[in-house]
N, C-alpha and C. Protein backbone atom coordinates (compact mmCIF):
# COMPACT_ATOMS: atom_id res chain seq x y z
N MET A 1 -81.52 -58.68 29.36
CA MET A 1 -80.78 -59.55 30.22
C MET A 1 -80.78 -60.95 29.62
N LYS A 2 -79.63 -61.50 29.36
CA LYS A 2 -79.54 -62.83 28.79
C LYS A 2 -79.44 -63.91 29.84
N LYS A 3 -78.80 -63.60 30.97
CA LYS A 3 -78.65 -64.56 32.06
C LYS A 3 -79.30 -63.99 33.31
N MET A 4 -79.96 -64.87 34.05
CA MET A 4 -80.53 -64.46 35.32
C MET A 4 -80.18 -65.51 36.35
N GLY A 5 -79.67 -65.07 37.47
CA GLY A 5 -79.32 -65.98 38.55
C GLY A 5 -80.11 -65.65 39.80
N VAL A 6 -80.89 -66.61 40.25
CA VAL A 6 -81.65 -66.46 41.50
C VAL A 6 -81.31 -67.62 42.44
N ASP A 7 -80.10 -68.13 42.31
CA ASP A 7 -79.64 -69.23 43.15
C ASP A 7 -79.56 -68.79 44.62
N PHE A 8 -79.72 -69.76 45.52
CA PHE A 8 -79.50 -69.55 46.95
C PHE A 8 -80.38 -68.44 47.55
N ASN A 9 -81.63 -68.37 47.14
CA ASN A 9 -82.53 -67.34 47.65
C ASN A 9 -83.72 -67.88 48.43
N GLU A 10 -83.77 -69.18 48.65
CA GLU A 10 -84.87 -69.82 49.36
C GLU A 10 -86.23 -69.53 48.71
N LEU A 11 -86.24 -69.38 47.39
CA LEU A 11 -87.48 -69.13 46.67
C LEU A 11 -88.37 -70.36 46.72
N THR A 12 -89.66 -70.15 46.87
CA THR A 12 -90.62 -71.25 46.84
C THR A 12 -91.33 -71.33 45.51
N SER A 13 -91.18 -70.30 44.68
CA SER A 13 -91.80 -70.31 43.35
C SER A 13 -91.06 -69.35 42.43
N LEU A 14 -91.23 -69.57 41.16
CA LEU A 14 -90.74 -68.65 40.14
C LEU A 14 -91.95 -67.97 39.53
N PRO A 15 -91.88 -66.68 39.25
CA PRO A 15 -93.03 -66.01 38.68
C PRO A 15 -93.26 -66.40 37.22
N ALA A 16 -94.52 -66.59 36.86
CA ALA A 16 -94.86 -66.88 35.46
C ALA A 16 -94.47 -65.72 34.57
N SER A 17 -94.32 -64.54 35.14
CA SER A 17 -93.95 -63.36 34.36
C SER A 17 -92.55 -63.44 33.76
N LEU A 18 -91.78 -64.46 34.14
CA LEU A 18 -90.48 -64.66 33.48
C LEU A 18 -90.66 -64.85 31.99
N ALA A 19 -91.83 -65.27 31.58
CA ALA A 19 -92.13 -65.44 30.15
C ALA A 19 -92.04 -64.11 29.41
N ASN A 20 -92.12 -63.01 30.14
CA ASN A 20 -92.05 -61.69 29.52
C ASN A 20 -90.62 -61.17 29.37
N ALA A 21 -89.66 -61.90 29.91
CA ALA A 21 -88.25 -61.51 29.79
C ALA A 21 -87.77 -61.94 28.41
N GLN A 22 -87.95 -61.07 27.45
CA GLN A 22 -87.76 -61.41 26.04
C GLN A 22 -86.38 -61.92 25.69
N HIS A 23 -85.35 -61.41 26.32
CA HIS A 23 -83.99 -61.76 25.93
C HIS A 23 -83.35 -62.81 26.83
N LEU A 24 -84.13 -63.38 27.73
CA LEU A 24 -83.59 -64.36 28.67
C LEU A 24 -83.23 -65.66 27.95
N VAL A 25 -82.01 -66.12 28.16
CA VAL A 25 -81.51 -67.33 27.52
C VAL A 25 -81.14 -68.38 28.57
N ILE A 26 -80.57 -67.94 29.67
CA ILE A 26 -80.09 -68.84 30.72
C ILE A 26 -80.69 -68.42 32.05
N LEU A 27 -81.26 -69.40 32.76
CA LEU A 27 -81.86 -69.14 34.06
C LEU A 27 -81.26 -70.09 35.09
N TYR A 28 -80.60 -69.53 36.08
CA TYR A 28 -80.04 -70.31 37.18
C TYR A 28 -80.97 -70.14 38.39
N ALA A 29 -81.55 -71.24 38.84
CA ALA A 29 -82.47 -71.19 39.97
C ALA A 29 -82.21 -72.34 40.94
N SER A 30 -80.96 -72.69 41.09
CA SER A 30 -80.62 -73.83 41.95
C SER A 30 -80.56 -73.40 43.42
N PHE A 31 -80.58 -74.41 44.29
CA PHE A 31 -80.46 -74.21 45.73
C PHE A 31 -81.52 -73.25 46.27
N ASN A 32 -82.76 -73.55 45.93
CA ASN A 32 -83.91 -72.82 46.45
C ASN A 32 -84.85 -73.84 47.08
N ARG A 33 -86.11 -73.48 47.20
CA ARG A 33 -87.13 -74.38 47.74
C ARG A 33 -88.27 -74.56 46.75
N LEU A 34 -87.94 -74.56 45.49
CA LEU A 34 -88.95 -74.68 44.45
C LEU A 34 -89.57 -76.07 44.47
N SER A 35 -90.89 -76.13 44.37
CA SER A 35 -91.56 -77.43 44.27
C SER A 35 -92.09 -77.66 42.86
N ALA A 36 -92.12 -76.60 42.07
CA ALA A 36 -92.60 -76.70 40.68
C ALA A 36 -92.00 -75.56 39.86
N ILE A 37 -91.99 -75.75 38.57
CA ILE A 37 -91.54 -74.72 37.62
C ILE A 37 -92.76 -74.37 36.77
N PRO A 38 -93.10 -73.09 36.64
CA PRO A 38 -94.28 -72.72 35.85
C PRO A 38 -94.15 -73.16 34.39
N ASP A 39 -95.26 -73.57 33.80
CA ASP A 39 -95.28 -73.94 32.38
C ASP A 39 -94.70 -72.85 31.51
N GLU A 40 -94.96 -71.61 31.87
CA GLU A 40 -94.53 -70.46 31.05
C GLU A 40 -93.01 -70.43 30.89
N VAL A 41 -92.30 -70.89 31.87
CA VAL A 41 -90.83 -70.91 31.77
C VAL A 41 -90.40 -71.88 30.66
N PHE A 42 -91.04 -73.03 30.60
CA PHE A 42 -90.70 -74.01 29.57
C PHE A 42 -91.21 -73.63 28.19
N GLN A 43 -92.20 -72.78 28.14
CA GLN A 43 -92.75 -72.33 26.86
C GLN A 43 -92.01 -71.12 26.31
N HIS A 44 -91.13 -70.54 27.11
CA HIS A 44 -90.36 -69.36 26.69
C HIS A 44 -89.50 -69.75 25.50
N PRO A 45 -89.61 -69.03 24.40
CA PRO A 45 -88.87 -69.42 23.19
C PRO A 45 -87.36 -69.21 23.27
N GLY A 46 -86.90 -68.38 24.18
CA GLY A 46 -85.48 -68.08 24.23
C GLY A 46 -84.67 -68.86 25.23
N ILE A 47 -85.31 -69.37 26.28
CA ILE A 47 -84.56 -70.08 27.31
C ILE A 47 -84.05 -71.41 26.77
N VAL A 48 -82.74 -71.55 26.80
CA VAL A 48 -82.13 -72.79 26.32
C VAL A 48 -81.47 -73.57 27.45
N TYR A 49 -81.34 -72.94 28.62
CA TYR A 49 -80.71 -73.61 29.75
C TYR A 49 -81.39 -73.19 31.03
N LEU A 50 -81.80 -74.17 31.81
CA LEU A 50 -82.40 -73.93 33.12
C LEU A 50 -81.73 -74.85 34.13
N ASP A 51 -81.15 -74.26 35.15
CA ASP A 51 -80.57 -75.05 36.24
C ASP A 51 -81.49 -74.88 37.44
N ALA A 52 -82.23 -75.93 37.75
CA ALA A 52 -83.12 -75.93 38.91
C ALA A 52 -82.72 -77.05 39.86
N SER A 53 -81.45 -77.36 39.87
CA SER A 53 -80.97 -78.44 40.73
C SER A 53 -81.04 -78.04 42.20
N THR A 54 -81.04 -79.04 43.05
CA THR A 54 -81.07 -78.86 44.49
C THR A 54 -82.25 -78.00 44.92
N ASN A 55 -83.42 -78.45 44.54
CA ASN A 55 -84.69 -77.85 44.93
C ASN A 55 -85.58 -78.97 45.45
N ASN A 56 -86.80 -78.65 45.74
CA ASN A 56 -87.78 -79.62 46.23
C ASN A 56 -88.81 -79.94 45.14
N LEU A 57 -88.36 -80.10 43.93
CA LEU A 57 -89.28 -80.32 42.81
C LEU A 57 -90.05 -81.62 42.99
N THR A 58 -91.36 -81.49 42.98
CA THR A 58 -92.23 -82.66 43.10
C THR A 58 -93.04 -82.87 41.83
N GLN A 59 -93.03 -81.87 40.96
CA GLN A 59 -93.73 -82.00 39.69
C GLN A 59 -93.04 -81.15 38.64
N LEU A 60 -93.16 -81.59 37.42
CA LEU A 60 -92.66 -80.85 36.28
C LEU A 60 -93.83 -80.49 35.38
N PRO A 61 -93.71 -79.44 34.62
CA PRO A 61 -94.83 -79.03 33.75
C PRO A 61 -95.22 -80.12 32.78
N TYR A 62 -96.50 -80.19 32.51
CA TYR A 62 -97.04 -81.16 31.58
C TYR A 62 -96.41 -81.04 30.21
N ILE A 63 -96.00 -79.85 29.84
CA ILE A 63 -95.42 -79.62 28.51
C ILE A 63 -94.18 -80.49 28.28
N LEU A 64 -93.46 -80.84 29.33
CA LEU A 64 -92.29 -81.72 29.18
C LEU A 64 -92.67 -83.11 28.73
N MET A 65 -93.86 -83.53 29.10
CA MET A 65 -94.34 -84.86 28.69
C MET A 65 -94.62 -84.91 27.18
N GLU A 66 -94.89 -83.74 26.60
CA GLU A 66 -95.22 -83.67 25.18
C GLU A 66 -93.99 -83.58 24.32
N MET A 67 -92.81 -83.42 24.90
CA MET A 67 -91.59 -83.24 24.11
C MET A 67 -91.09 -84.56 23.57
């Protein structure tokens, strides 16, 4: 699966196991209730686009600070 859409699902978290989705390139996770994104999502070598707009994000992974 190259694209995954979990928009509009009232999710409060994303599973760290998304890191195991080897072929994932695009992740749509907008319009949920996410307060954080797991570090593993940002460390995934294949994900080039993440839409997490319109959520309740209060923190971003530390790895973004190192970029």
